[in-house]
Structure formats: C-alpha cells, structure tokens
Amino acid sequence: MSLQLVRLYHSSPAHALAHRLRQSNDSGMSTAEYAIGTLAAVALAGVLLTMLGSDAIKTLLNTVFQKALTPPKP
C-alpha cells in the first residue's frame, strides 16, 4: 500500500512543482537579503544614536558607570 502512495505522489503535479522549485536559480536572493539586513542595522543604529543623545539616557549611563567603577566600601 505505501509503495502505491509513493508512486502516486511521484506522478502528482505537487511533486513536479516541488521539484521545479528546488531546481530554480535564486542567486539574486542573497543580495536582496543583505540589503534588507543592512537597512535594518542602519535603522537600529539611528534609534540607538537618538536614544544616546537624550539627557535622561546620558544620566542613566553615567549613574550605572559610576556605580560600577566605584569600589565597594569595606
């Protein structure tokens, strides 16, 4: 019974479509993916630079570094 199902699948249009999709050439996809990744990284960098420019974030970072660099009292 399972051999009949395998033969039926291999003769089906779904199998032919899957085979064609596996054989297709998508060499240009990596360039588009790199471009999208680069745009996302630049957008994130812009958001971070904007955040670091605000006085509240500067004060927060200054406080964190002061506490981290101050030796503990004995």
PDB file of N, CA and C in Angstrom:
ATOM      1  N   MET A   1       0.817  -1.205   0.000  1.00  0.00           N
ATOM      2  CA  MET A   1       0.000   0.000   0.000  1.00  0.00           C
ATOM      3  C   MET A   1       0.851   1.255   0.000  1.00  0.00           C
ATOM      4  N   SER A   2       1.914   1.328   0.829  1.00  0.00           N
ATOM      5  CA  SER A   2       2.723   2.537   0.878  1.00  0.00           C
ATOM      6  C   SER A   2       3.487   2.753  -0.420  1.00  0.00           C
ATOM      7  N   LEU A   3       3.878   1.684  -1.103  1.00  0.00           N
ATOM      8  CA  LEU A   3       4.563   1.818  -2.386  1.00  0.00           C
ATOM      9  C   LEU A   3       3.637   2.469  -3.414  1.00  0.00           C
ATOM     10  N   GLN A   4       2.352   2.133  -3.347  1.00  0.00           N
ATOM     11  CA  GLN A   4       1.385   2.746  -4.253  1.00  0.00           C
ATOM     12  C   GLN A   4       1.247   4.244  -3.960  1.00  0.00           C
ATOM     13  N   LEU A   5       1.274   4.612  -2.681  1.00  0.00           N
ATOM     14  CA  LEU A   5       1.186   6.035  -2.331  1.00  0.00           C
ATOM     15  C   LEU A   5       2.415   6.795  -2.814  1.00  0.00           C
ATOM     16  N   VAL A   6       3.584   6.183  -2.704  1.00  0.00           N
ATOM     17  CA  VAL A   6       4.805   6.828  -3.169  1.00  0.00           C
ATOM     18  C   VAL A   6       4.748   7.032  -4.671  1.00  0.00           C
ATOM     19  N   ARG A   7       4.307   6.017  -5.396  1.00  0.00           N
ATOM     20  CA  ARG A   7       4.191   6.142  -6.855  1.00  0.00           C
ATOM     21  C   ARG A   7       3.163   7.211  -7.227  1.00  0.00           C
ATOM     22  N   LEU A   8       2.059   7.252  -6.480  1.00  0.00           N
ATOM     23  CA  LEU A   8       1.024   8.244  -6.741  1.00  0.00           C
ATOM     24  C   LEU A   8       1.568   9.656  -6.516  1.00  0.00           C
ATOM     25  N   TYR A   9       2.343   9.838  -5.433  1.00  0.00           N
ATOM     26  CA  TYR A   9       2.915  11.163  -5.148  1.00  0.00           C
ATOM     27  C   TYR A   9       3.907  11.571  -6.236  1.00  0.00           C
ATOM     28  N   HIS A  10       4.767  10.646  -6.654  1.00  0.00           N
ATOM     29  CA  HIS A  10       5.781  10.986  -7.652  1.00  0.00           C
ATOM     30  C   HIS A  10       5.169  11.325  -9.009  1.00  0.00           C
ATOM     31  N   SER A  11       3.965  10.886  -9.255  1.00  0.00           N
ATOM     32  CA  SER A  11       3.314  11.223 -10.529  1.00  0.00           C
ATOM     33  C   SER A  11       2.377  12.421 -10.388  1.00  0.00           C
ATOM     34  N   SER A  12       2.318  13.021  -9.203  1.00  0.00           N
ATOM     35  CA  SER A  12       1.371  14.119  -8.970  1.00  0.00           C
ATOM     36  C   SER A  12       1.934  15.468  -9.406  1.00  0.00           C
ATOM     37  N   PRO A  13       1.064  16.435  -9.690  1.00  0.00           N
ATOM     38  CA  PRO A  13       1.515  17.796 -10.020  1.00  0.00           C
ATOM     39  C   PRO A  13       2.241  18.457  -8.849  1.00  0.00           C
ATOM     40  N   ALA A  14       1.874  18.109  -7.617  1.00  0.00           N
ATOM     41  CA  ALA A  14       2.549  18.695  -6.454  1.00  0.00           C
ATOM     42  C   ALA A  14       4.025  18.300  -6.431  1.00  0.00           C
ATOM     43  N   HIS A  15       4.309  17.064  -6.758  1.00  0.00           N
ATOM     44  CA  HIS A  15       5.708  16.617  -6.791  1.00  0.00           C
ATOM     45  C   HIS A  15       6.466  17.340  -7.896  1.00  0.00           C
ATOM     46  N   ALA A  16       5.848  17.501  -9.045  1.00  0.00           N
ATOM     47  CA  ALA A  16       6.505  18.196 -10.151  1.00  0.00           C
ATOM     48  C   ALA A  16       6.790  19.656  -9.777  1.00  0.00           C
ATOM     49  N   LEU A  17       5.844  20.313  -9.112  1.00  0.00           N
ATOM     50  CA  LEU A  17       6.043  21.696  -8.697  1.00  0.00           C
ATOM     51  C   LEU A  17       7.159  21.792  -7.656  1.00  0.00           C
ATOM     52  N   ALA A  18       7.150  20.897  -6.680  1.00  0.00           N
ATOM     53  CA  ALA A  18       8.197  20.898  -5.652  1.00  0.00           C
ATOM     54  C   ALA A  18       9.561  20.679  -6.285  1.00  0.00           C
ATOM     55  N   HIS A  19       9.637  19.802  -7.260  1.00  0.00           N
ATOM     56  CA  HIS A  19      10.913  19.539  -7.949  1.00  0.00           C
ATOM     57  C   HIS A  19      11.382  20.781  -8.705  1.00  0.00           C
ATOM     58  N   ARG A  20      10.461  21.458  -9.395  1.00  0.00           N
ATOM     59  CA  ARG A  20      10.838  22.677 -10.115  1.00  0.00           C
ATOM     60  C   ARG A  20      11.304  23.775  -9.174  1.00  0.00           C
ATOM     61  N   LEU A  21      10.650  23.910  -8.031  1.00  0.00           N
ATOM     62  CA  LEU A  21      11.053  24.937  -7.067  1.00  0.00           C
ATOM     63  C   LEU A  21      12.429  24.650  -6.482  1.00  0.00           C
ATOM     64  N   ARG A  22      12.738  23.385  -6.258  1.00  0.00           N
ATOM     65  CA  ARG A  22      14.061  23.028  -5.737  1.00  0.00           C
ATOM     66  C   ARG A  22      15.149  23.286  -6.772  1.00  0.00           C
ATOM     67  N   GLN A  23      14.810  23.170  -8.041  1.00  0.00           N
ATOM     68  CA  GLN A  23      15.787  23.339  -9.105  1.00  0.00           C
ATOM     69  C   GLN A  23      15.941  24.790  -9.560  1.00  0.00           C
ATOM     70  N   SER A  24      15.101  25.690  -9.063  1.00  0.00           N
ATOM     71  CA  SER A  24      15.131  27.074  -9.540  1.00  0.00           C
ATOM     72  C   SER A  24      16.396  27.780  -9.080  1.00  0.00           C
ATOM     73  N   ASN A  25      16.795  28.784  -9.837  1.00  0.00           N
ATOM     74  CA  ASN A  25      18.000  29.545  -9.539  1.00  0.00           C
ATOM     75  C   ASN A  25      17.595  30.805  -8.780  1.00  0.00           C
ATOM     76  N   ASP A  26      18.027  30.924  -7.524  1.00  0.00           N
ATOM     77  CA  ASP A  26      17.697  32.105  -6.733  1.00  0.00           C
ATOM     78  C   ASP A  26      18.965  32.804  -6.261  1.00  0.00           C
ATOM     79  N   SER A  27      19.927  32.932  -7.171  1.00  0.00           N
ATOM     80  CA  SER A  27      21.215  33.523  -6.800  1.00  0.00           C
ATOM     81  C   SER A  27      21.087  35.001  -6.423  1.00  0.00           C
ATOM     82  N   GLY A  28      20.071  35.700  -6.915  1.00  0.00           N
ATOM     83  CA  GLY A  28      19.894  37.104  -6.581  1.00  0.00           C
ATOM     84  C   GLY A  28      19.286  37.344  -5.214  1.00  0.00           C
ATOM     85  N   MET A  29      18.792  36.309  -4.586  1.00  0.00           N
ATOM     86  CA  MET A  29      18.135  36.468  -3.290  1.00  0.00           C
ATOM     87  C   MET A  29      19.108  36.913  -2.207  1.00  0.00           C
ATOM     88  N   SER A  30      20.327  36.452  -2.246  1.00  0.00           N
ATOM     89  CA  SER A  30      21.248  36.804  -1.168  1.00  0.00           C
ATOM     90  C   SER A  30      21.552  38.302  -1.184  1.00  0.00           C
ATOM     91  N   THR A  31      21.626  38.900  -2.348  1.00  0.00           N
ATOM     92  CA  THR A  31      21.879  40.332  -2.434  1.00  0.00           C
ATOM     93  C   THR A  31      20.736  41.119  -1.808  1.00  0.00           C
ATOM     94  N   ALA A  32      19.503  40.730  -2.093  1.00  0.00           N
ATOM     95  CA  ALA A  32      18.349  41.413  -1.509  1.00  0.00           C
ATOM     96  C   ALA A  32      18.307  41.216   0.001  1.00  0.00           C
ATOM     97  N   GLU A  33      18.656  40.031   0.452  1.00  0.00           N
ATOM     98  CA  GLU A  33      18.656  39.780   1.894  1.00  0.00           C
ATOM     99  C   GLU A  33      19.724  40.609   2.594  1.00  0.00           C
ATOM    100  N   TYR A  34      20.898  40.741   1.987  1.00  0.00           N
ATOM    101  CA  TYR A  34      21.939  41.596   2.564  1.00  0.00           C
ATOM    102  C   TYR A  34      21.485  43.051   2.617  1.00  0.00           C
ATOM    103  N   ALA A  35      20.798  43.494   1.588  1.00  0.00           N
ATOM    104  CA  ALA A  35      20.324  44.881   1.552  1.00  0.00           C
ATOM    105  C   ALA A  35      19.305  45.138   2.667  1.00  0.00           C
ATOM    106  N   ILE A  36      18.384  44.215   2.858  1.00  0.00           N
ATOM    107  CA  ILE A  36      17.383  44.369   3.929  1.00  0.00           C
ATOM    108  C   ILE A  36      18.065  44.337   5.293  1.00  0.00           C
ATOM    109  N   GLY A  37      19.020  43.441   5.478  1.00  0.00           N
ATOM    110  CA  GLY A  37      19.752  43.371   6.747  1.00  0.00           C
ATOM    111  C   GLY A  37      20.533  44.640   7.021  1.00  0.00           C
ATOM    112  N   THR A  38      21.138  45.198   5.985  1.00  0.00           N
ATOM    113  CA  THR A  38      21.895  46.445   6.144  1.00  0.00           C
ATOM    114  C   THR A  38      20.967  47.598   6.519  1.00  0.00           C
ATOM    115  N   LEU A  39      19.815  47.686   5.853  1.00  0.00           N
ATOM    116  CA  LEU A  39      18.851  48.736   6.186  1.00  0.00           C
ATOM    117  C   LEU A  39      18.367  48.608   7.630  1.00  0.00           C
ATOM    118  N   ALA A  40      18.130  47.388   8.069  1.00  0.00           N
ATOM    119  CA  ALA A  40      17.675  47.179   9.449  1.00  0.00           C
ATOM    120  C   ALA A  40      18.761  47.593  10.439  1.00  0.00           C
ATOM    121  N   ALA A  41      20.018  47.269  10.139  1.00  0.00           N
ATOM    122  CA  ALA A  41      21.117  47.642  11.030  1.00  0.00           C
ATOM    123  C   ALA A  41      21.281  49.161  11.103  1.00  0.00           C
ATOM    124  N   VAL A  42      21.152  49.831   9.981  1.00  0.00           N
ATOM    125  CA  VAL A  42      21.266  51.292   9.959  1.00  0.00           C
ATOM    126  C   VAL A  42      20.116  51.931  10.732  1.00  0.00           C
ATOM    127  N   ALA A  43      18.922  51.384  10.576  1.00  0.00           N
ATOM    128  CA  ALA A  43      17.770  51.916  11.315  1.00  0.00           C
ATOM    129  C   ALA A  43      17.968  51.740  12.814  1.00  0.00           C
ATOM    130  N   LEU A  44      18.452  50.584  13.237  1.00  0.00           N
ATOM    131  CA  LEU A  44      18.705  50.344  14.658  1.00  0.00           C
ATOM    132  C   LEU A  44      19.789  51.275  15.179  1.00  0.00           C
ATOM    133  N   ALA A  45      20.835  51.488  14.388  1.00  0.00           N
ATOM    134  CA  ALA A  45      21.888  52.410  14.805  1.00  0.00           C
ATOM    135  C   ALA A  45      21.346  53.824  14.962  1.00  0.00           C
ATOM    136  N   GLY A  46      20.461  54.241  14.077  1.00  0.00           N
ATOM    137  CA  GLY A  46      19.852  55.569  14.192  1.00  0.00           C
ATOM    138  C   GLY A  46      19.022  55.713  15.455  1.00  0.00           C
ATOM    139  N   VAL A  47      18.273  54.671  15.779  1.00  0.00           N
ATOM    140  CA  VAL A  47      17.467  54.707  17.006  1.00  0.00           C
ATOM    141  C   VAL A  47      18.373  54.780  18.231  1.00  0.00           C
ATOM    142  N   LEU A  48      19.432  53.976  18.250  1.00  0.00           N
ATOM    143  CA  LEU A  48      20.360  53.994  19.385  1.00  0.00           C
ATOM    144  C   LEU A  48      21.062  55.338  19.528  1.00  0.00           C
ATOM    145  N   LEU A  49      21.470  55.935  18.418  1.00  0.00           N
ATOM    146  CA  LEU A  49      22.121  57.247  18.494  1.00  0.00           C
ATOM    147  C   LEU A  49      21.162  58.309  19.014  1.00  0.00           C
ATOM    148  N   THR A  50      19.909  58.228  18.606  1.00  0.00           N
ATOM    149  CA  THR A  50      18.915  59.177  19.105  1.00  0.00           C
ATOM    150  C   THR A  50      18.709  59.004  20.607  1.00  0.00           C
ATOM    151  N   MET A  51      18.657  57.747  21.043  1.00  0.00           N
ATOM    152  CA  MET A  51      18.485  57.490  22.476  1.00  0.00           C
ATOM    153  C   MET A  51      19.689  57.981  23.276  1.00  0.00           C
ATOM    154  N   LEU A  52      20.879  57.749  22.759  1.00  0.00           N
ATOM    155  CA  LEU A  52      22.081  58.157  23.480  1.00  0.00           C
ATOM    156  C   LEU A  52      22.223  59.671  23.530  1.00  0.00           C
ATOM    157  N   GLY A  53      21.568  60.372  22.651  1.00  0.00           N
ATOM    158  CA  GLY A  53      21.636  61.829  22.636  1.00  0.00           C
ATOM    159  C   GLY A  53      20.740  62.484  23.676  1.00  0.00           C
ATOM    160  N   SER A  54      19.806  61.727  24.234  1.00  0.00           N
ATOM    161  CA  SER A  54      18.890  62.336  25.207  1.00  0.00           C
ATOM    162  C   SER A  54      19.556  62.454  26.574  1.00  0.00           C
ATOM    163  N   ASP A  55      19.179  63.481  27.315  1.00  0.00           N
ATOM    164  CA  ASP A  55      19.767  63.737  28.630  1.00  0.00           C
ATOM    165  C   ASP A  55      19.439  62.636  29.634  1.00  0.00           C
ATOM    166  N   ALA A  56      18.249  62.071  29.562  1.00  0.00           N
ATOM    167  CA  ALA A  56      17.855  61.029  30.508  1.00  0.00           C
ATOM    168  C   ALA A  56      18.744  59.793  30.369  1.00  0.00           C
ATOM    169  N   ILE A  57      19.034  59.408  29.136  1.00  0.00           N
ATOM    170  CA  ILE A  57      19.883  58.231  28.904  1.00  0.00           C
ATOM    171  C   ILE A  57      21.316  58.519  29.328  1.00  0.00           C
ATOM    172  N   LYS A  58      21.802  59.743  29.046  1.00  0.00           N
ATOM    173  CA  LYS A  58      23.158  60.109  29.477  1.00  0.00           C
ATOM    174  C   LYS A  58      23.284  60.033  30.995  1.00  0.00           C
ATOM    175  N   THR A  59      22.271  60.526  31.698  1.00  0.00           N
ATOM    176  CA  THR A  59      22.283  60.486  33.162  1.00  0.00           C
ATOM    177  C   THR A  59      22.241  59.049  33.662  1.00  0.00           C
ATOM    178  N   LEU A  60      21.399  58.234  33.045  1.00  0.00           N
ATOM    179  CA  LEU A  60      21.296  56.831  33.436  1.00  0.00           C
ATOM    180  C   LEU A  60      22.617  56.099  33.235  1.00  0.00           C
ATOM    181  N   LEU A  61      23.226  56.274  32.072  1.00  0.00           N
ATOM    182  CA  LEU A  61      24.506  55.617  31.803  1.00  0.00           C
ATOM    183  C   LEU A  61      25.599  56.111  32.736  1.00  0.00           C
ATOM    184  N   ASN A  62      25.619  57.405  33.016  1.00  0.00           N
ATOM    185  CA  ASN A  62      26.607  57.966  33.926  1.00  0.00           C
ATOM    186  C   ASN A  62      26.469  57.348  35.320  1.00  0.00           C
ATOM    187  N   THR A  63      25.234  57.206  35.790  1.00  0.00           N
ATOM    188  CA  THR A  63      24.976  56.610  37.099  1.00  0.00           C
ATOM    189  C   THR A  63      25.413  55.144  37.124  1.00  0.00           C
ATOM    190  N   VAL A  64      25.099  54.413  36.086  1.00  0.00           N
ATOM    191  CA  VAL A  64      25.484  52.994  36.022  1.00  0.00           C
ATOM    192  C   VAL A  64      26.993  52.845  36.043  1.00  0.00           C
ATOM    193  N   PHE A  65      27.695  53.651  35.234  1.00  0.00           N
ATOM    194  CA  PHE A  65      29.162  53.547  35.205  1.00  0.00           C
ATOM    195  C   PHE A  65      29.787  54.010  36.515  1.00  0.00           C
ATOM    196  N   GLN A  66      29.236  55.023  37.147  1.00  0.00           N
ATOM    197  CA  GLN A  66      29.768  55.480  38.417  1.00  0.00           C
ATOM    198  C   GLN A  66      29.647  54.385  39.475  1.00  0.00           C
ATOM    199  N   LYS A  67      28.489  53.728  39.522  1.00  0.00           N
ATOM    200  CA  LYS A  67      28.296  52.649  40.479  1.00  0.00           C
ATOM    201  C   LYS A  67      29.187  51.448  40.172  1.00  0.00           C
ATOM    202  N   ALA A  68      29.387  51.179  38.897  1.00  0.00           N
ATOM    203  CA  ALA A  68      30.226  50.037  38.514  1.00  0.00           C
ATOM    204  C   ALA A  68      31.691  50.279  38.799  1.00  0.00           C
ATOM    205  N   LEU A  69      32.137  51.518  38.664  1.00  0.00           N
ATOM    206  CA  LEU A  69      33.560  51.821  38.828  1.00  0.00           C
ATOM    207  C   LEU A  69      33.938  52.239  40.256  1.00  0.00           C
ATOM    208  N   THR A  70      32.970  52.498  41.092  1.00  0.00           N
ATOM    209  CA  THR A  70      33.248  52.878  42.483  1.00  0.00           C
ATOM    210  C   THR A  70      33.529  51.631  43.298  1.00  0.00           C
ATOM    211  N   PRO A  71      34.670  51.587  43.982  1.00  0.00           N
ATOM    212  CA  PRO A  71      34.974  50.391  44.775  1.00  0.00           C
ATOM    213  C   PRO A  71      34.007  50.257  45.955  1.00  0.00           C
ATOM    214  N   PRO A  72      33.697  49.037  46.345  1.00  0.00           N
ATOM    215  CA  PRO A  72      32.776  48.853  47.468  1.00  0.00           C
ATOM    216  C   PRO A  72      33.410  49.304  48.777  1.00  0.00           C
ATOM    217  N   LYS A  73      32.586  49.785  49.668  1.00  0.00           N
ATOM    218  CA  LYS A  73      33.082  50.225  50.977  1.00  0.00           C
ATOM    219  C   LYS A  73      33.305  49.004  51.871  1.00  0.00           C
ATOM    220  N   PRO A  74      34.441  48.975  52.588  1.00  0.00           N
ATOM    221  CA  PRO A  74      34.720  47.796  53.441  1.00  0.00           C
ATOM    222  C   PRO A  74      33.843  47.723  54.662  1.00  0.00           C
TER     223      PRO A  74
END
